[in-house]
N, C-alpha and C. Protein backbone atom coordinates (compact mmCIF):
# COMPACT_ATOMS: atom_id res chain seq x y z
N UNK A 1 -167.79 170.32 -101.34
CA UNK A 1 -168.96 170.91 -101.60
C UNK A 1 -169.54 171.32 -100.34
N UNK A 2 -170.90 171.86 -100.53
CA UNK A 2 -171.64 172.43 -99.28
C UNK A 2 -172.97 171.47 -99.02
N UNK A 3 -173.21 171.50 -97.93
CA UNK A 3 -174.48 170.81 -97.44
C UNK A 3 -175.66 171.33 -98.26
N UNK A 4 -176.61 170.38 -98.71
CA UNK A 4 -177.72 170.82 -99.53
C UNK A 4 -178.82 171.52 -98.76
N UNK A 5 -178.69 171.35 -97.37
CA UNK A 5 -179.86 171.92 -96.63
C UNK A 5 -179.47 173.33 -96.06
N UNK A 6 -178.32 173.42 -95.46
CA UNK A 6 -178.08 174.57 -94.78
C UNK A 6 -176.77 175.26 -95.40
N UNK A 7 -176.15 174.74 -96.24
CA UNK A 7 -175.20 175.37 -97.05
C UNK A 7 -173.73 175.48 -96.51
N UNK A 8 -173.58 174.86 -95.30
CA UNK A 8 -172.30 174.77 -94.70
C UNK A 8 -171.38 173.98 -95.50
N UNK A 9 -170.14 174.51 -95.61
CA UNK A 9 -169.08 173.76 -96.52
C UNK A 9 -168.86 172.48 -95.65
N UNK A 10 -168.97 171.27 -96.29
CA UNK A 10 -168.85 169.96 -95.54
C UNK A 10 -167.45 169.77 -94.92
N UNK A 11 -166.49 170.56 -95.44
CA UNK A 11 -165.13 170.50 -94.84
C UNK A 11 -164.98 171.36 -93.83
N UNK A 12 -166.04 172.04 -93.42
CA UNK A 12 -165.79 172.94 -92.10
C UNK A 12 -166.07 172.10 -91.03
N UNK A 13 -165.23 172.16 -89.85
CA UNK A 13 -165.42 171.43 -88.64
C UNK A 13 -166.95 171.39 -88.21
N UNK A 14 -167.56 172.63 -88.47
CA UNK A 14 -168.97 172.71 -87.95
C UNK A 14 -169.98 171.65 -88.50
N UNK A 15 -169.74 171.36 -89.79
CA UNK A 15 -170.59 170.37 -90.54
C UNK A 15 -170.60 169.11 -89.80
N UNK A 16 -169.59 168.66 -88.93
CA UNK A 16 -169.53 167.42 -88.37
C UNK A 16 -170.92 167.31 -87.37
N UNK A 17 -171.07 168.47 -86.74
CA UNK A 17 -172.11 168.42 -85.78
C UNK A 17 -173.34 168.73 -86.37
N UNK A 18 -173.64 169.70 -87.23
CA UNK A 18 -174.65 170.07 -87.88
C UNK A 18 -175.22 169.30 -89.09
N UNK A 19 -174.33 168.78 -89.83
CA UNK A 19 -174.85 168.23 -91.15
C UNK A 19 -174.65 166.52 -91.30
N UNK A 20 -173.51 166.08 -90.72
CA UNK A 20 -173.20 164.70 -90.80
C UNK A 20 -174.16 163.85 -90.32
N UNK A 21 -174.78 162.98 -90.98
CA UNK A 21 -176.00 162.23 -90.36
C UNK A 21 -177.31 162.94 -90.21
N UNK A 22 -177.30 164.18 -90.12
CA UNK A 22 -178.59 164.76 -90.05
C UNK A 22 -179.16 165.48 -91.54
N UNK A 23 -178.29 166.06 -92.21
CA UNK A 23 -178.46 166.60 -93.55
C UNK A 23 -177.84 165.84 -94.59
N UNK A 24 -176.67 165.27 -94.35
CA UNK A 24 -176.01 164.68 -95.39
C UNK A 24 -175.40 163.22 -94.74
N UNK A 25 -175.37 162.33 -95.69
CA UNK A 25 -174.85 160.92 -95.21
C UNK A 25 -173.96 160.40 -96.36
N UNK A 26 -173.09 159.38 -96.12
CA UNK A 26 -172.18 158.69 -96.96
C UNK A 26 -172.98 157.72 -97.71
N UNK A 27 -172.48 157.11 -98.73
CA UNK A 27 -173.15 156.07 -99.40
C UNK A 27 -172.65 154.71 -98.53
N UNK A 28 -173.36 153.58 -98.61
CA UNK A 28 -172.99 152.32 -98.17
C UNK A 28 -171.49 151.99 -97.83
N UNK A 29 -170.83 152.24 -98.98
CA UNK A 29 -169.37 152.04 -99.22
C UNK A 29 -168.56 152.99 -98.85
N UNK A 30 -168.90 153.90 -98.21
CA UNK A 30 -168.24 155.20 -97.61
C UNK A 30 -167.32 155.85 -98.76
N UNK A 31 -167.74 155.98 -100.03
CA UNK A 31 -166.98 156.73 -100.90
C UNK A 31 -166.85 158.09 -100.31
N UNK A 32 -165.84 158.85 -100.98
CA UNK A 32 -165.75 160.14 -100.37
C UNK A 32 -166.58 161.22 -101.10
N UNK A 33 -167.84 161.12 -100.90
CA UNK A 33 -168.86 161.79 -101.48
C UNK A 33 -170.01 161.82 -100.42
N UNK A 34 -170.43 163.08 -100.09
CA UNK A 34 -171.74 163.19 -99.13
C UNK A 34 -173.10 163.49 -99.88
N UNK A 35 -174.04 162.94 -99.49
CA UNK A 35 -175.40 162.81 -100.26
C UNK A 35 -176.36 163.53 -99.30
N UNK A 36 -177.34 164.05 -99.79
CA UNK A 36 -178.38 164.43 -99.00
C UNK A 36 -179.13 163.09 -98.35
N UNK A 37 -179.69 163.24 -97.08
CA UNK A 37 -180.17 161.95 -96.55
C UNK A 37 -181.18 161.34 -97.46
N UNK A 38 -181.18 160.14 -97.76
CA UNK A 38 -182.04 159.36 -98.71
C UNK A 38 -181.53 159.29 -100.01
N UNK A 39 -180.31 160.03 -100.49
CA UNK A 39 -180.13 160.00 -101.75
C UNK A 39 -178.48 159.36 -102.04
N UNK A 40 -178.13 158.48 -101.00
CA UNK A 40 -176.96 157.86 -101.18
C UNK A 40 -176.83 156.75 -102.15
N UNK A 41 -177.94 156.20 -102.55
CA UNK A 41 -178.02 155.26 -103.68
C UNK A 41 -177.41 155.71 -104.95
N UNK A 42 -177.39 157.06 -105.18
CA UNK A 42 -176.97 157.58 -106.41
C UNK A 42 -175.52 157.81 -106.55
N UNK A 43 -174.95 157.14 -105.58
CA UNK A 43 -173.23 157.01 -105.80
C UNK A 43 -172.75 156.55 -107.02
N UNK A 44 -172.10 157.27 -107.82
CA UNK A 44 -171.62 156.65 -109.07
C UNK A 44 -170.60 155.45 -108.71
N UNK A 45 -169.75 155.65 -107.71
CA UNK A 45 -168.69 154.70 -107.62
C UNK A 45 -169.33 153.31 -107.18
N UNK A 46 -170.44 153.34 -106.41
CA UNK A 46 -171.00 152.25 -106.00
C UNK A 46 -171.79 151.67 -107.13
N UNK A 47 -172.25 152.32 -108.07
CA UNK A 47 -173.01 151.86 -109.21
C UNK A 47 -172.03 151.24 -110.02
N UNK A 48 -170.85 151.78 -110.33
CA UNK A 48 -169.89 150.96 -111.00
C UNK A 48 -169.46 149.67 -110.47
N UNK A 49 -169.07 149.85 -109.12
CA UNK A 49 -168.67 148.54 -108.56
C UNK A 49 -169.83 147.51 -108.56
N UNK A 50 -171.04 147.78 -108.45
CA UNK A 50 -172.02 146.94 -108.59
C UNK A 50 -172.11 146.38 -109.96
N UNK A 51 -171.93 147.07 -111.03
CA UNK A 51 -171.82 146.66 -112.45
C UNK A 51 -170.82 145.79 -112.69
N UNK A 52 -169.58 145.96 -112.12
CA UNK A 52 -168.35 144.96 -112.33
C UNK A 52 -168.69 143.66 -111.60
N UNK A 53 -169.27 143.80 -110.59
CA UNK A 53 -169.70 142.44 -109.81
C UNK A 53 -170.79 141.67 -110.51
N UNK A 54 -171.86 142.34 -111.03
CA UNK A 54 -172.69 141.77 -111.86
C UNK A 54 -172.28 141.16 -113.20
N UNK A 55 -171.36 141.67 -113.69
CA UNK A 55 -170.56 141.49 -114.83
C UNK A 55 -169.72 140.17 -114.60
N UNK A 56 -169.00 140.15 -113.36
CA UNK A 56 -168.36 138.84 -113.08
C UNK A 56 -169.38 137.70 -112.97
N UNK A 57 -170.58 137.96 -112.37
CA UNK A 57 -171.62 136.83 -112.14
C UNK A 57 -172.15 136.65 -113.56
N UNK A 58 -172.37 137.41 -114.48
CA UNK A 58 -172.98 137.13 -115.75
C UNK A 58 -171.77 136.22 -116.48
N UNK A 59 -170.61 136.58 -116.51
CA UNK A 59 -169.48 135.82 -117.05
C UNK A 59 -169.37 134.28 -116.62
N UNK A 60 -169.70 134.24 -115.32
CA UNK A 60 -169.88 132.91 -114.60
C UNK A 60 -170.92 132.20 -115.06
N UNK A 61 -172.09 132.77 -115.28
CA UNK A 61 -173.23 132.30 -115.87
C UNK A 61 -173.14 131.67 -117.21
N UNK A 62 -172.60 132.43 -117.98
CA UNK A 62 -172.26 131.89 -119.46
C UNK A 62 -171.37 130.69 -119.34
N UNK A 63 -170.36 130.64 -118.60
CA UNK A 63 -169.47 129.27 -118.45
C UNK A 63 -170.40 128.38 -117.84
N UNK A 64 -171.27 128.37 -116.90
CA UNK A 64 -172.17 127.43 -116.52
C UNK A 64 -172.93 127.06 -117.47
N UNK A 65 -173.43 127.79 -118.59
CA UNK A 65 -174.34 127.46 -119.45
C UNK A 65 -173.56 126.59 -120.53
N UNK A 66 -172.18 126.97 -120.81
CA UNK A 66 -171.44 126.17 -121.69
C UNK A 66 -171.28 124.66 -121.10
N UNK A 67 -171.14 124.63 -119.76
CA UNK A 67 -171.03 123.28 -119.22
C UNK A 67 -172.21 122.55 -119.24
N UNK A 68 -173.27 123.24 -119.10
CA UNK A 68 -174.81 122.38 -119.19
C UNK A 68 -174.85 122.13 -120.65
N UNK A 69 -174.47 122.77 -121.62
CA UNK A 69 -174.61 122.27 -123.15
C UNK A 69 -173.46 121.08 -123.25
N UNK A 70 -172.48 121.17 -122.57
CA UNK A 70 -171.51 120.03 -122.79
C UNK A 70 -172.13 118.84 -122.39
N UNK A 71 -172.87 118.85 -121.25
CA UNK A 71 -173.34 117.56 -120.74
C UNK A 71 -174.84 117.45 -120.68
N UNK A 72 -175.44 118.09 -121.96
CA UNK A 72 -176.98 118.22 -122.10
C UNK A 72 -177.55 116.76 -122.03
N UNK A 73 -176.88 115.80 -122.54
CA UNK A 73 -177.49 114.43 -122.59
C UNK A 73 -177.36 113.78 -121.29
N UNK A 74 -176.53 114.07 -120.37
CA UNK A 74 -176.66 113.40 -119.19
C UNK A 74 -177.49 113.84 -117.96
N UNK A 75 -177.70 115.18 -117.73
CA UNK A 75 -178.47 115.69 -116.81
C UNK A 75 -179.31 116.80 -117.17
N UNK A 76 -180.55 117.02 -116.77
CA UNK A 76 -181.18 118.05 -116.60
C UNK A 76 -180.94 119.32 -115.60
N UNK A 77 -180.64 120.16 -116.01
CA UNK A 77 -180.05 121.38 -115.29
C UNK A 77 -181.05 122.53 -115.07
N UNK A 78 -181.19 123.18 -113.96
CA UNK A 78 -181.92 124.40 -113.73
C UNK A 78 -180.72 125.48 -114.04
N UNK A 79 -181.23 126.36 -114.72
CA UNK A 79 -180.28 127.51 -115.02
C UNK A 79 -180.31 128.58 -113.97
N UNK A 80 -179.17 128.71 -113.31
CA UNK A 80 -179.22 129.74 -112.16
C UNK A 80 -179.34 131.13 -112.91
N UNK A 81 -179.65 132.12 -111.85
CA UNK A 81 -179.62 133.42 -112.26
C UNK A 81 -178.35 134.12 -111.69
N UNK A 82 -177.98 135.52 -112.20
CA UNK A 82 -177.05 136.16 -111.42
C UNK A 82 -177.22 136.26 -109.85
N UNK A 83 -178.48 136.26 -109.27
CA UNK A 83 -178.57 136.41 -107.82
C UNK A 83 -178.43 135.10 -107.29
N UNK A 84 -178.83 133.99 -108.09
CA UNK A 84 -178.50 132.77 -107.34
C UNK A 84 -176.95 132.39 -107.42
N UNK A 85 -176.17 132.88 -108.31
CA UNK A 85 -174.90 132.80 -108.32
C UNK A 85 -174.18 133.57 -107.19
N UNK A 86 -174.76 134.85 -107.08
CA UNK A 86 -174.38 135.75 -105.66
C UNK A 86 -174.52 135.12 -104.53
N UNK A 87 -175.85 134.43 -104.38
CA UNK A 87 -176.24 133.62 -102.95
C UNK A 87 -175.14 132.37 -102.91
N UNK A 88 -174.88 131.73 -103.96
CA UNK A 88 -174.07 130.41 -104.03
C UNK A 88 -172.68 130.84 -103.40
N UNK A 89 -172.10 131.92 -103.88
CA UNK A 89 -170.81 132.18 -103.59
C UNK A 89 -170.66 132.91 -102.47
N UNK A 90 -171.43 134.05 -102.20
CA UNK A 90 -171.24 134.92 -100.99
C UNK A 90 -172.13 134.66 -99.78
N UNK A 91 -173.24 133.90 -99.96
CA UNK A 91 -173.99 133.48 -98.81
C UNK A 91 -174.91 134.51 -98.33
N UNK A 92 -175.30 135.64 -99.02
CA UNK A 92 -176.31 136.61 -98.92
C UNK A 92 -176.86 137.18 -99.99
N UNK A 93 -177.92 137.66 -99.75
CA UNK A 93 -178.82 138.22 -101.04
C UNK A 93 -178.16 139.54 -101.28
N UNK A 94 -177.80 139.98 -102.47
CA UNK A 94 -177.34 141.31 -102.71
C UNK A 94 -177.92 142.45 -102.47
N UNK A 95 -179.22 142.28 -102.80
CA UNK A 95 -180.05 143.51 -102.55
C UNK A 95 -180.21 144.06 -101.11
N UNK A 96 -180.10 142.86 -100.24
CA UNK A 96 -180.48 143.27 -98.86
C UNK A 96 -179.45 143.94 -98.21
N UNK A 97 -178.21 144.13 -98.82
CA UNK A 97 -176.99 144.86 -98.13
C UNK A 97 -177.18 146.07 -98.21
N UNK A 98 -177.90 146.79 -99.06
CA UNK A 98 -178.07 148.23 -99.11
C UNK A 98 -178.83 148.79 -98.29
N UNK A 99 -179.74 147.94 -97.56
CA UNK A 99 -180.81 148.42 -96.72
C UNK A 99 -180.27 149.35 -95.44
N UNK A 100 -179.36 148.94 -94.81
CA UNK A 100 -178.69 149.52 -93.84
C UNK A 100 -177.17 149.34 -93.62
N UNK A 101 -176.54 150.09 -92.89
CA UNK A 101 -175.03 149.97 -92.56
C UNK A 101 -174.70 148.45 -91.82
N UNK A 102 -175.63 148.12 -91.02
CA UNK A 102 -175.29 146.73 -90.28
C UNK A 102 -175.29 145.66 -91.14
N UNK A 103 -176.33 145.52 -92.30
CA UNK A 103 -176.29 144.47 -93.14
C UNK A 103 -174.94 144.45 -94.03
N UNK A 104 -174.58 145.74 -94.40
CA UNK A 104 -173.38 145.91 -95.15
C UNK A 104 -172.19 145.40 -94.43
N UNK A 105 -172.11 145.88 -93.14
CA UNK A 105 -170.88 145.33 -92.37
C UNK A 105 -170.96 143.79 -92.31
N UNK A 106 -172.13 143.16 -91.86
CA UNK A 106 -172.03 141.59 -91.90
C UNK A 106 -171.80 141.15 -93.17
N UNK A 107 -172.09 141.62 -94.40
CA UNK A 107 -171.86 141.10 -95.86
C UNK A 107 -170.24 141.35 -95.96
N UNK A 108 -169.73 142.53 -95.67
CA UNK A 108 -168.28 142.51 -95.68
C UNK A 108 -167.51 141.63 -94.85
N UNK A 109 -167.91 141.44 -93.62
CA UNK A 109 -167.21 140.25 -92.91
C UNK A 109 -167.38 138.83 -93.48
N UNK A 110 -168.55 138.48 -94.06
CA UNK A 110 -168.67 137.47 -94.73
C UNK A 110 -167.87 137.21 -95.98
N UNK A 111 -167.65 138.21 -96.85
CA UNK A 111 -166.87 138.17 -97.98
C UNK A 111 -165.22 138.01 -97.35
N UNK A 112 -164.81 138.79 -96.33
CA UNK A 112 -163.32 138.54 -95.81
C UNK A 112 -163.29 137.07 -95.11
N UNK A 113 -164.14 136.64 -94.52
CA UNK A 113 -163.98 135.21 -94.03
C UNK A 113 -164.07 134.23 -95.19
N UNK A 114 -164.76 134.50 -96.09
CA UNK A 114 -164.82 133.55 -97.49
C UNK A 114 -163.57 133.36 -97.93
N UNK A 115 -162.79 134.67 -98.13
CA UNK A 115 -161.53 134.74 -98.74
C UNK A 115 -160.66 133.93 -97.91
N UNK A 116 -160.57 134.14 -96.53
CA UNK A 116 -159.66 133.58 -95.68
C UNK A 116 -159.73 131.82 -95.75
N UNK A 117 -161.09 131.69 -95.79
CA UNK A 117 -161.27 130.00 -95.98
C UNK A 117 -160.68 129.32 -97.22
N UNK A 118 -160.59 130.16 -98.21
CA UNK A 118 -160.00 129.54 -99.35
C UNK A 118 -158.69 129.86 -99.67
N UNK A 119 -157.95 130.44 -98.73
CA UNK A 119 -156.64 130.45 -98.74
C UNK A 119 -155.83 129.24 -98.33
N UNK A 120 -154.72 129.00 -98.91
CA UNK A 120 -154.25 127.82 -98.51
C UNK A 120 -152.76 127.93 -98.28
N UNK A 121 -152.42 127.85 -96.94
CA UNK A 121 -151.19 128.07 -96.36
C UNK A 121 -150.34 129.37 -96.89
N UNK A 122 -151.30 130.35 -96.76
CA UNK A 122 -150.57 131.82 -97.24
C UNK A 122 -150.29 131.91 -98.57
N UNK A 123 -150.65 131.05 -99.39
CA UNK A 123 -149.96 131.28 -101.08
C UNK A 123 -151.18 131.86 -101.90
N UNK A 124 -152.33 132.54 -101.13
CA UNK A 124 -153.27 133.25 -101.96
C UNK A 124 -154.49 132.27 -102.14
N UNK A 125 -155.39 132.79 -102.92
CA UNK A 125 -156.54 131.99 -103.35
C UNK A 125 -156.31 130.69 -104.13
N UNK A 126 -156.84 129.64 -103.53
CA UNK A 126 -156.72 128.46 -104.35
C UNK A 126 -157.91 128.10 -104.79
N UNK A 127 -157.84 127.46 -106.15
CA UNK A 127 -159.13 127.09 -106.78
C UNK A 127 -159.74 125.93 -106.43
N UNK A 128 -158.79 124.99 -105.69
CA UNK A 128 -159.12 123.52 -105.36
C UNK A 128 -159.57 123.55 -103.84
N UNK A 129 -160.00 124.68 -103.29
CA UNK A 129 -160.41 124.54 -101.80
C UNK A 129 -161.53 123.95 -101.62
N UNK A 130 -161.90 123.25 -100.44
CA UNK A 130 -163.18 122.56 -100.27
C UNK A 130 -164.48 123.56 -100.53
N UNK A 131 -164.11 124.99 -100.10
CA UNK A 131 -165.17 126.05 -100.16
C UNK A 131 -165.62 126.14 -101.63
N UNK A 132 -164.56 126.10 -102.39
CA UNK A 132 -165.03 126.39 -103.86
C UNK A 132 -165.61 125.17 -104.41
N UNK A 133 -165.32 123.99 -104.01
CA UNK A 133 -165.99 122.69 -104.34
C UNK A 133 -167.43 122.85 -103.94
N UNK A 134 -167.64 123.37 -102.64
CA UNK A 134 -169.04 123.47 -102.17
C UNK A 134 -169.69 124.46 -103.10
N UNK A 135 -169.20 125.43 -103.34
CA UNK A 135 -170.04 126.51 -104.18
C UNK A 135 -170.20 125.84 -105.57
N UNK A 136 -169.36 125.20 -106.30
CA UNK A 136 -169.68 124.55 -107.47
C UNK A 136 -170.79 123.63 -107.36
N UNK A 137 -170.84 122.92 -106.26
CA UNK A 137 -172.01 121.79 -106.19
C UNK A 137 -173.30 122.54 -105.98
N UNK A 138 -173.25 123.85 -105.17
CA UNK A 138 -174.52 124.74 -105.24
C UNK A 138 -174.87 125.10 -106.50
N UNK A 139 -173.87 125.31 -107.58
CA UNK A 139 -174.43 125.75 -108.92
C UNK A 139 -174.65 124.65 -109.69
N UNK A 140 -174.63 123.68 -109.22
CA UNK A 140 -175.09 122.36 -110.08
C UNK A 140 -173.93 121.82 -111.00
N UNK A 141 -172.67 122.05 -110.60
CA UNK A 141 -171.48 121.59 -111.29
C UNK A 141 -170.91 120.51 -110.75
N UNK A 142 -170.75 119.21 -111.42
CA UNK A 142 -170.12 117.96 -110.82
C UNK A 142 -168.63 117.91 -111.42
N UNK A 143 -167.71 118.13 -110.38
CA UNK A 143 -166.37 118.13 -110.82
C UNK A 143 -165.97 116.81 -111.57
N UNK A 144 -166.33 115.68 -110.88
CA UNK A 144 -165.75 114.20 -111.36
C UNK A 144 -166.51 113.95 -112.77
N UNK A 145 -167.59 114.45 -113.06
CA UNK A 145 -168.10 114.29 -114.28
C UNK A 145 -167.48 115.01 -115.48
N UNK A 146 -167.04 116.42 -115.00
CA UNK A 146 -166.49 117.36 -116.14
C UNK A 146 -165.14 117.08 -116.34
N UNK A 147 -164.43 116.43 -115.39
CA UNK A 147 -162.95 115.98 -115.58
C UNK A 147 -162.91 114.79 -116.53
N UNK A 148 -163.97 114.13 -116.87
CA UNK A 148 -164.03 113.10 -117.79
C UNK A 148 -163.69 113.31 -119.25
N UNK A 149 -163.35 114.60 -119.58
CA UNK A 149 -163.25 115.12 -120.78
C UNK A 149 -162.40 116.15 -120.99
N UNK A 150 -161.60 116.51 -121.94
CA UNK A 150 -160.64 117.51 -121.85
C UNK A 150 -161.23 118.91 -121.93
N UNK A 151 -162.44 119.07 -122.78
CA UNK A 151 -163.22 120.27 -122.82
C UNK A 151 -163.83 120.48 -121.42
N UNK A 152 -164.17 119.58 -120.79
CA UNK A 152 -164.94 119.72 -119.52
C UNK A 152 -163.76 120.23 -118.35
N UNK A 153 -162.69 119.59 -118.31
CA UNK A 153 -161.62 120.03 -117.49
C UNK A 153 -161.26 121.61 -117.90
N UNK A 154 -161.18 121.97 -119.04
CA UNK A 154 -160.99 123.37 -119.39
C UNK A 154 -161.77 124.32 -118.85
N UNK A 155 -163.22 123.80 -118.94
CA UNK A 155 -164.26 124.75 -118.56
C UNK A 155 -164.42 124.63 -116.93
N UNK A 156 -164.11 123.52 -116.33
CA UNK A 156 -164.03 123.65 -114.84
C UNK A 156 -162.96 124.46 -114.36
N UNK A 157 -161.88 124.54 -115.02
CA UNK A 157 -160.60 125.22 -114.57
C UNK A 157 -161.20 126.83 -114.71
N UNK A 158 -161.70 127.11 -115.74
CA UNK A 158 -162.22 128.53 -115.99
C UNK A 158 -163.26 128.89 -114.98
N UNK A 159 -164.15 128.10 -114.78
CA UNK A 159 -165.29 128.32 -113.64
C UNK A 159 -164.50 128.54 -112.38
N UNK A 160 -163.82 127.69 -111.72
CA UNK A 160 -163.00 127.71 -110.60
C UNK A 160 -162.17 129.06 -110.56
N UNK A 161 -161.67 129.48 -111.58
CA UNK A 161 -160.80 130.77 -111.46
C UNK A 161 -161.82 131.83 -111.58
N UNK A 162 -162.95 131.99 -112.19
CA UNK A 162 -163.84 133.05 -112.13
C UNK A 162 -164.35 133.16 -110.76
N UNK A 163 -164.85 131.89 -110.08
CA UNK A 163 -165.40 131.98 -108.67
C UNK A 163 -164.20 132.46 -107.86
N UNK A 164 -163.14 132.20 -107.78
CA UNK A 164 -162.06 132.58 -106.89
C UNK A 164 -161.62 134.03 -107.14
N UNK A 165 -161.71 134.52 -108.42
CA UNK A 165 -161.43 135.87 -108.63
C UNK A 165 -162.68 136.90 -108.15
N UNK A 166 -163.90 136.18 -108.13
CA UNK A 166 -165.07 137.15 -107.80
C UNK A 166 -164.97 137.21 -106.18
N UNK A 167 -164.53 136.00 -105.35
CA UNK A 167 -164.27 136.17 -104.10
C UNK A 167 -163.22 137.02 -103.62
N UNK A 168 -162.00 136.98 -104.47
CA UNK A 168 -161.14 137.79 -104.10
C UNK A 168 -161.37 139.37 -104.43
N UNK A 169 -162.08 139.66 -105.53
CA UNK A 169 -162.57 141.20 -105.70
C UNK A 169 -163.42 141.51 -104.63
N UNK A 170 -164.40 140.81 -104.18
CA UNK A 170 -165.29 141.13 -102.96
C UNK A 170 -164.69 141.43 -101.74
N UNK A 171 -163.57 140.49 -101.41
CA UNK A 171 -162.81 140.85 -100.20
C UNK A 171 -161.94 141.99 -100.40
N UNK A 172 -161.44 142.25 -101.36
CA UNK A 172 -160.57 143.62 -101.72
C UNK A 172 -161.56 144.63 -101.53
N UNK A 173 -162.70 144.55 -102.03
CA UNK A 173 -163.80 145.84 -101.88
C UNK A 173 -164.10 146.02 -100.33
N UNK A 174 -164.24 144.70 -99.70
CA UNK A 174 -164.76 144.89 -98.24
C UNK A 174 -163.59 145.54 -97.55
N UNK A 175 -162.41 145.15 -97.79
CA UNK A 175 -161.23 145.86 -97.02
C UNK A 175 -161.06 147.36 -97.37
N UNK A 176 -161.38 147.64 -98.62
CA UNK A 176 -161.25 149.15 -98.91
C UNK A 176 -162.45 149.90 -98.27
N UNK A 177 -163.49 149.27 -98.32
CA UNK A 177 -164.91 149.88 -97.42
C UNK A 177 -164.59 150.11 -96.05
N UNK A 178 -163.99 149.21 -95.57
CA UNK A 178 -163.82 149.28 -93.97
C UNK A 178 -162.55 150.29 -93.75
N UNK A 179 -161.67 150.35 -94.53
CA UNK A 179 -160.57 151.53 -94.32
C UNK A 179 -161.40 153.00 -94.60
N UNK A 180 -162.12 153.07 -95.57
CA UNK A 180 -162.95 154.16 -95.73
C UNK A 180 -163.66 154.54 -94.62
N UNK A 181 -164.46 153.42 -94.02
CA UNK A 181 -165.42 153.55 -93.11
C UNK A 181 -164.55 154.28 -91.71
N UNK A 182 -163.46 153.41 -91.43
CA UNK A 182 -162.73 154.00 -90.39
C UNK A 182 -162.34 155.43 -90.40
N UNK A 183 -161.87 155.81 -91.61
CA UNK A 183 -161.39 157.10 -91.85
C UNK A 183 -162.67 158.12 -91.65
N UNK A 184 -163.88 157.67 -92.17
CA UNK A 184 -165.01 158.50 -92.03
C UNK A 184 -165.35 158.82 -90.50
N UNK A 185 -165.48 157.76 -89.76
CA UNK A 185 -165.72 157.82 -88.40
C UNK A 185 -164.59 158.54 -87.60
N UNK A 186 -163.29 158.32 -87.98
CA UNK A 186 -162.38 159.04 -87.37
C UNK A 186 -162.44 160.67 -87.45
N UNK A 187 -163.00 160.95 -88.48
CA UNK A 187 -163.29 162.38 -88.67
C UNK A 187 -164.58 162.81 -88.13
N UNK A 188 -165.59 162.14 -88.44
CA UNK A 188 -167.04 162.47 -88.17
C UNK A 188 -167.55 161.99 -86.70
N UNK A 189 -167.17 160.92 -86.25
CA UNK A 189 -167.74 160.55 -85.10
C UNK A 189 -166.59 159.75 -84.19
N UNK A 190 -165.89 160.35 -83.33
CA UNK A 190 -164.84 159.71 -82.53
C UNK A 190 -165.34 158.57 -81.57
N UNK A 191 -166.70 158.64 -80.98
CA UNK A 191 -166.94 157.75 -80.26
C UNK A 191 -167.22 156.41 -81.04
N UNK A 192 -167.84 156.69 -82.16
CA UNK A 192 -168.09 155.37 -83.23
C UNK A 192 -166.71 154.68 -83.78
N UNK A 193 -165.86 155.69 -83.83
CA UNK A 193 -164.45 155.35 -84.34
C UNK A 193 -163.77 154.36 -83.30
N UNK A 194 -163.78 154.85 -81.98
CA UNK A 194 -163.05 153.99 -80.99
C UNK A 194 -163.92 152.72 -80.68
N UNK A 195 -165.17 152.61 -80.84
CA UNK A 195 -165.94 151.56 -80.74
C UNK A 195 -165.71 150.47 -81.70
N UNK A 196 -165.49 150.89 -83.09
CA UNK A 196 -164.96 150.05 -84.14
C UNK A 196 -163.72 149.66 -84.00
N UNK A 197 -162.79 150.24 -83.47
CA UNK A 197 -161.49 149.84 -83.17
C UNK A 197 -161.55 148.72 -82.23
N UNK A 198 -162.40 148.81 -81.12
CA UNK A 198 -162.37 147.85 -80.28
C UNK A 198 -162.93 146.45 -80.69
N UNK A 199 -163.80 146.55 -81.71
CA UNK A 199 -164.52 145.47 -82.24
C UNK A 199 -163.45 144.67 -83.16
N UNK A 200 -162.48 145.34 -83.70
CA UNK A 200 -161.58 144.76 -84.68
C UNK A 200 -160.72 143.84 -83.86
């Protein structure tokens, strides 16, 4: 399609100098659509990705609610929100990452490092890693108490699986975004591309 300001086709080599970054920008996850400056938040692919991420956190929230009901007599629990769950798992506030590309880059690095920490000897994501135990503790889940009953053990396994799947999905998304980001800068800005390669 063409630039919304000067009508230059965005595939034309001249668009790299006249439009990219001046009239048009990519979304924060570098999907293959250009937007007018300030309208990148309307990216449908980003919205779908955010909805899937929120759904994973809501599913986790419903499991935490089941655990709290199972142990309602023993403890008084605070009910976490999806944003609390996001902070406990990923270590950053989700709304803050869309403000600028630097915060998105830091968030992607955190997601990749988190996945790396929960891998055990190259066998993939493990649900029994100390990091997942820490996350469960931040969410108010006491492993030793849950394992005292069969229902508790089943719920604990489901929560651990849900947390590890969320971590893996976020890391995969970060890898894909970095790949698209490198492709964009390789086409649009060679200097930025070479500086990114040196940082890797």
